[in-house]
Amino acid sequence: MRLVAEYLDRAMQFERMAEYTQDPQLRQQLLQQSEAYRKLATKRATQLGVPPPQADPGG
């Protein structure tokens, strides 16, 4: 379960960085990274047989 939480933490870090950047291209890249980490968290949760994390970006 720890890895799921780490993936979600990393996703939230990218989302916070995206909030503060002025560059639209960089913002898009950061949000894509966040989405990738959220997908990893969901995949890992499925492998562990636990409910997938809630999709709650930015909240």
PDB file of N, CA and C in Angstrom:
ATOM      1  N   MET A   1       0.822  -1.195   0.000  1.00  0.00           N
ATOM      2  CA  MET A   1       0.000   0.000   0.000  1.00  0.00           C
ATOM      3  C   MET A   1       0.868   1.262   0.000  1.00  0.00           C
ATOM      4  N   ARG A   2       2.073   1.143   0.526  1.00  0.00           N
ATOM      5  CA  ARG A   2       2.939   2.305   0.614  1.00  0.00           C
ATOM      6  C   ARG A   2       3.234   2.881  -0.768  1.00  0.00           C
ATOM      7  N   LEU A   3       3.474   2.017  -1.748  1.00  0.00           N
ATOM      8  CA  LEU A   3       3.792   2.479  -3.088  1.00  0.00           C
ATOM      9  C   LEU A   3       2.626   3.239  -3.707  1.00  0.00           C
ATOM     10  N   VAL A   4       1.409   2.815  -3.440  1.00  0.00           N
ATOM     11  CA  VAL A   4       0.233   3.527  -3.944  1.00  0.00           C
ATOM     12  C   VAL A   4       0.239   4.953  -3.396  1.00  0.00           C
ATOM     13  N   ALA A   5       0.465   5.088  -2.113  1.00  0.00           N
ATOM     14  CA  ALA A   5       0.487   6.414  -1.485  1.00  0.00           C
ATOM     15  C   ALA A   5       1.622   7.269  -2.042  1.00  0.00           C
ATOM     16  N   GLU A   6       2.769   6.651  -2.305  1.00  0.00           N
ATOM     17  CA  GLU A   6       3.891   7.397  -2.871  1.00  0.00           C
ATOM     18  C   GLU A   6       3.568   7.891  -4.275  1.00  0.00           C
ATOM     19  N   TYR A   7       2.919   7.070  -5.071  1.00  0.00           N
ATOM     20  CA  TYR A   7       2.516   7.494  -6.411  1.00  0.00           C
ATOM     21  C   TYR A   7       1.540   8.667  -6.331  1.00  0.00           C
ATOM     22  N   LEU A   8       0.585   8.578  -5.432  1.00  0.00           N
ATOM     23  CA  LEU A   8      -0.393   9.657  -5.282  1.00  0.00           C
ATOM     24  C   LEU A   8       0.274  10.937  -4.784  1.00  0.00           C
ATOM     25  N   ASP A   9       1.217  10.800  -3.887  1.00  0.00           N
ATOM     26  CA  ASP A   9       1.947  11.961  -3.382  1.00  0.00           C
ATOM     27  C   ASP A   9       2.704  12.644  -4.521  1.00  0.00           C
ATOM     28  N   ARG A  10       3.350  11.852  -5.347  1.00  0.00           N
ATOM     29  CA  ARG A  10       4.096  12.404  -6.481  1.00  0.00           C
ATOM     30  C   ARG A  10       3.133  13.093  -7.460  1.00  0.00           C
ATOM     31  N   ALA A  11       1.975  12.486  -7.702  1.00  0.00           N
ATOM     32  CA  ALA A  11       0.980  13.097  -8.590  1.00  0.00           C
ATOM     33  C   ALA A  11       0.565  14.467  -8.060  1.00  0.00           C
ATOM     34  N   MET A  12       0.336  14.563  -6.766  1.00  0.00           N
ATOM     35  CA  MET A  12      -0.072  15.829  -6.173  1.00  0.00           C
ATOM     36  C   MET A  12       1.043  16.868  -6.254  1.00  0.00           C
ATOM     37  N   GLN A  13       2.301  16.430  -6.150  1.00  0.00           N
ATOM     38  CA  GLN A  13       3.424  17.361  -6.293  1.00  0.00           C
ATOM     39  C   GLN A  13       3.435  17.973  -7.692  1.00  0.00           C
ATOM     40  N   PHE A  14       3.226  17.146  -8.707  1.00  0.00           N
ATOM     41  CA  PHE A  14       3.191  17.661 -10.077  1.00  0.00           C
ATOM     42  C   PHE A  14       2.008  18.606 -10.270  1.00  0.00           C
ATOM     43  N   GLU A  15       0.873  18.286  -9.671  1.00  0.00           N
ATOM     44  CA  GLU A  15      -0.295  19.161  -9.782  1.00  0.00           C
ATOM     45  C   GLU A  15      -0.036  20.509  -9.128  1.00  0.00           C
ATOM     46  N   ARG A  16       0.627  20.510  -7.974  1.00  0.00           N
ATOM     47  CA  ARG A  16       0.960  21.778  -7.311  1.00  0.00           C
ATOM     48  C   ARG A  16       1.919  22.596  -8.169  1.00  0.00           C
ATOM     49  N   MET A  17       2.912  21.939  -8.757  1.00  0.00           N
ATOM     50  CA  MET A  17       3.842  22.659  -9.622  1.00  0.00           C
ATOM     51  C   MET A  17       3.109  23.257 -10.818  1.00  0.00           C
ATOM     52  N   ALA A  18       2.167  22.513 -11.374  1.00  0.00           N
ATOM     53  CA  ALA A  18       1.410  22.999 -12.532  1.00  0.00           C
ATOM     54  C   ALA A  18       0.600  24.244 -12.177  1.00  0.00           C
ATOM     55  N   GLU A  19       0.115  24.316 -10.942  1.00  0.00           N
ATOM     56  CA  GLU A  19      -0.660  25.479 -10.518  1.00  0.00           C
ATOM     57  C   GLU A  19       0.160  26.761 -10.550  1.00  0.00           C
ATOM     58  N   TYR A  20       1.458  26.642 -10.319  1.00  0.00           N
ATOM     59  CA  TYR A  20       2.298  27.817 -10.166  1.00  0.00           C
ATOM     60  C   TYR A  20       3.080  28.216 -11.410  1.00  0.00           C
ATOM     61  N   THR A  21       3.082  27.393 -12.418  1.00  0.00           N
ATOM     62  CA  THR A  21       3.850  27.744 -13.610  1.00  0.00           C
ATOM     63  C   THR A  21       3.056  28.680 -14.512  1.00  0.00           C
ATOM     64  N   GLN A  22       3.759  29.573 -15.152  1.00  0.00           N
ATOM     65  CA  GLN A  22       3.146  30.511 -16.095  1.00  0.00           C
ATOM     66  C   GLN A  22       3.194  29.977 -17.526  1.00  0.00           C
ATOM     67  N   ASP A  23       4.010  28.978 -17.754  1.00  0.00           N
ATOM     68  CA  ASP A  23       4.228  28.435 -19.092  1.00  0.00           C
ATOM     69  C   ASP A  23       3.172  27.365 -19.394  1.00  0.00           C
ATOM     70  N   PRO A  24       2.287  27.608 -20.358  1.00  0.00           N
ATOM     71  CA  PRO A  24       1.222  26.645 -20.657  1.00  0.00           C
ATOM     72  C   PRO A  24       1.751  25.271 -21.093  1.00  0.00           C
ATOM     73  N   GLN A  25       2.844  25.252 -21.834  1.00  0.00           N
ATOM     74  CA  GLN A  25       3.401  23.975 -22.287  1.00  0.00           C
ATOM     75  C   GLN A  25       3.954  23.182 -21.099  1.00  0.00           C
ATOM     76  N   LEU A  26       4.652  23.861 -20.212  1.00  0.00           N
ATOM     77  CA  LEU A  26       5.179  23.196 -19.018  1.00  0.00           C
ATOM     78  C   LEU A  26       4.028  22.714 -18.134  1.00  0.00           C
ATOM     79  N   ARG A  27       2.995  23.533 -18.003  1.00  0.00           N
ATOM     80  CA  ARG A  27       1.827  23.145 -17.194  1.00  0.00           C
ATOM     81  C   ARG A  27       1.222  21.841 -17.729  1.00  0.00           C
ATOM     82  N   GLN A  28       1.079  21.772 -19.048  1.00  0.00           N
ATOM     83  CA  GLN A  28       0.514  20.569 -19.663  1.00  0.00           C
ATOM     84  C   GLN A  28       1.394  19.350 -19.389  1.00  0.00           C
ATOM     85  N   GLN A  29       2.702  19.524 -19.490  1.00  0.00           N
ATOM     86  CA  GLN A  29       3.621  18.413 -19.232  1.00  0.00           C
ATOM     87  C   GLN A  29       3.542  17.955 -17.780  1.00  0.00           C
ATOM     88  N   LEU A  30       3.452  18.896 -16.870  1.00  0.00           N
ATOM     89  CA  LEU A  30       3.349  18.547 -15.447  1.00  0.00           C
ATOM     90  C   LEU A  30       2.047  17.798 -15.158  1.00  0.00           C
ATOM     91  N   LEU A  31       0.965  18.237 -15.771  1.00  0.00           N
ATOM     92  CA  LEU A  31      -0.310  17.546 -15.571  1.00  0.00           C
ATOM     93  C   LEU A  31      -0.296  16.154 -16.196  1.00  0.00           C
ATOM     94  N   GLN A  32       0.420  15.987 -17.287  1.00  0.00           N
ATOM     95  CA  GLN A  32       0.564  14.657 -17.887  1.00  0.00           C
ATOM     96  C   GLN A  32       1.354  13.737 -16.956  1.00  0.00           C
ATOM     97  N   GLN A  33       2.381  14.272 -16.323  1.00  0.00           N
ATOM     98  CA  GLN A  33       3.147  13.487 -15.352  1.00  0.00           C
ATOM     99  C   GLN A  33       2.260  13.074 -14.180  1.00  0.00           C
ATOM    100  N   SER A  34       1.452  14.013 -13.718  1.00  0.00           N
ATOM    101  CA  SER A  34       0.545  13.720 -12.618  1.00  0.00           C
ATOM    102  C   SER A  34      -0.410  12.596 -12.994  1.00  0.00           C
ATOM    103  N   GLU A  35      -0.964  12.685 -14.184  1.00  0.00           N
ATOM    104  CA  GLU A  35      -1.890  11.655 -14.651  1.00  0.00           C
ATOM    105  C   GLU A  35      -1.199  10.290 -14.731  1.00  0.00           C
ATOM    106  N   ALA A  36       0.042  10.285 -15.191  1.00  0.00           N
ATOM    107  CA  ALA A  36       0.781   9.025 -15.284  1.00  0.00           C
ATOM    108  C   ALA A  36       0.976   8.401 -13.894  1.00  0.00           C
ATOM    109  N   TYR A  37       1.301   9.228 -12.902  1.00  0.00           N
ATOM    110  CA  TYR A  37       1.471   8.704 -11.544  1.00  0.00           C
ATOM    111  C   TYR A  37       0.150   8.202 -10.964  1.00  0.00           C
ATOM    112  N   ARG A  38      -0.936   8.864 -11.280  1.00  0.00           N
ATOM    113  CA  ARG A  38      -2.243   8.400 -10.812  1.00  0.00           C
ATOM    114  C   ARG A  38      -2.599   7.048 -11.441  1.00  0.00           C
ATOM    115  N   LYS A  39      -2.244   6.883 -12.706  1.00  0.00           N
ATOM    116  CA  LYS A  39      -2.478   5.593 -13.361  1.00  0.00           C
ATOM    117  C   LYS A  39      -1.640   4.501 -12.717  1.00  0.00           C
ATOM    118  N   LEU A  40      -0.393   4.823 -12.372  1.00  0.00           N
ATOM    119  CA  LEU A  40       0.455   3.844 -11.685  1.00  0.00           C
ATOM    120  C   LEU A  40      -0.144   3.461 -10.333  1.00  0.00           C
ATOM    121  N   ALA A  41      -0.671   4.446  -9.618  1.00  0.00           N
ATOM    122  CA  ALA A  41      -1.291   4.173  -8.316  1.00  0.00           C
ATOM    123  C   ALA A  41      -2.484   3.240  -8.477  1.00  0.00           C
ATOM    124  N   THR A  42      -3.302   3.498  -9.487  1.00  0.00           N
ATOM    125  CA  THR A  42      -4.473   2.651  -9.734  1.00  0.00           C
ATOM    126  C   THR A  42      -4.048   1.239 -10.107  1.00  0.00           C
ATOM    127  N   LYS A  43      -3.050   1.139 -10.965  1.00  0.00           N
ATOM    128  CA  LYS A  43      -2.558  -0.183 -11.384  1.00  0.00           C
ATOM    129  C   LYS A  43      -2.025  -0.965 -10.187  1.00  0.00           C
ATOM    130  N   ARG A  44      -1.246  -0.302  -9.343  1.00  0.00           N
ATOM    131  CA  ARG A  44      -0.667  -0.973  -8.174  1.00  0.00           C
ATOM    132  C   ARG A  44      -1.761  -1.391  -7.190  1.00  0.00           C
ATOM    133  N   ALA A  45      -2.752  -0.544  -6.996  1.00  0.00           N
ATOM    134  CA  ALA A  45      -3.850  -0.892  -6.093  1.00  0.00           C
ATOM    135  C   ALA A  45      -4.573  -2.135  -6.603  1.00  0.00           C
ATOM    136  N   THR A  46      -4.784  -2.201  -7.901  1.00  0.00           N
ATOM    137  CA  THR A  46      -5.433  -3.364  -8.506  1.00  0.00           C
ATOM    138  C   THR A  46      -4.596  -4.623  -8.272  1.00  0.00           C
ATOM    139  N   GLN A  47      -3.290  -4.512  -8.439  1.00  0.00           N
ATOM    140  CA  GLN A  47      -2.394  -5.647  -8.214  1.00  0.00           C
ATOM    141  C   GLN A  47      -2.461  -6.126  -6.770  1.00  0.00           C
ATOM    142  N   LEU A  48      -2.642  -5.181  -5.845  1.00  0.00           N
ATOM    143  CA  LEU A  48      -2.705  -5.527  -4.424  1.00  0.00           C
ATOM    144  C   LEU A  48      -4.099  -5.990  -3.996  1.00  0.00           C
ATOM    145  N   GLY A  49      -5.075  -5.813  -4.878  1.00  0.00           N
ATOM    146  CA  GLY A  49      -6.432  -6.218  -4.546  1.00  0.00           C
ATOM    147  C   GLY A  49      -7.136  -5.266  -3.601  1.00  0.00           C
ATOM    148  N   VAL A  50      -6.748  -3.996  -3.648  1.00  0.00           N
ATOM    149  CA  VAL A  50      -7.385  -2.990  -2.804  1.00  0.00           C
ATOM    150  C   VAL A  50      -8.144  -2.017  -3.713  1.00  0.00           C
ATOM    151  N   PRO A  51      -9.106  -1.278  -3.148  1.00  0.00           N
ATOM    152  CA  PRO A  51      -9.850  -0.335  -3.982  1.00  0.00           C
ATOM    153  C   PRO A  51      -8.915   0.701  -4.600  1.00  0.00           C
ATOM    154  N   PRO A  52      -9.174   1.070  -5.836  1.00  0.00           N
ATOM    155  CA  PRO A  52      -8.340   2.093  -6.478  1.00  0.00           C
ATOM    156  C   PRO A  52      -8.514   3.433  -5.789  1.00  0.00           C
ATOM    157  N   PRO A  53      -7.501   4.282  -5.857  1.00  0.00           N
ATOM    158  CA  PRO A  53      -7.614   5.602  -5.214  1.00  0.00           C
ATOM    159  C   PRO A  53      -8.674   6.456  -5.906  1.00  0.00           C
ATOM    160  N   GLN A  54      -9.222   7.357  -5.156  1.00  0.00           N
ATOM    161  CA  GLN A  54     -10.210   8.288  -5.694  1.00  0.00           C
ATOM    162  C   GLN A  54      -9.535   9.223  -6.682  1.00  0.00           C
ATOM    163  N   ALA A  55     -10.174   9.473  -7.800  1.00  0.00           N
ATOM    164  CA  ALA A  55      -9.654  10.434  -8.777  1.00  0.00           C
ATOM    165  C   ALA A  55     -10.065  11.815  -8.321  1.00  0.00           C
ATOM    166  N   ASP A  56      -9.175  12.486  -7.583  1.00  0.00           N
ATOM    167  CA  ASP A  56      -9.494  13.783  -7.007  1.00  0.00           C
ATOM    168  C   ASP A  56      -8.343  14.744  -7.213  1.00  0.00           C
ATOM    169  N   PRO A  57      -7.976  15.028  -8.466  1.00  0.00           N
ATOM    170  CA  PRO A  57      -6.866  15.947  -8.673  1.00  0.00           C
ATOM    171  C   PRO A  57      -7.192  17.331  -8.146  1.00  0.00           C
ATOM    172  N   GLY A  58      -6.226  17.901  -7.472  1.00  0.00           N
ATOM    173  CA  GLY A  58      -6.379  19.246  -6.969  1.00  0.00           C
ATOM    174  C   GLY A  58      -7.249  19.367  -5.745  1.00  0.00           C
ATOM    175  N   GLY A  59      -7.612  18.280  -5.132  1.00  0.00           N
ATOM    176  CA  GLY A  59      -8.508  18.418  -3.980  1.00  0.00           C
ATOM    177  C   GLY A  59      -8.158  17.474  -2.953  1.00  0.00           C
TER     178      GLY A  59
END
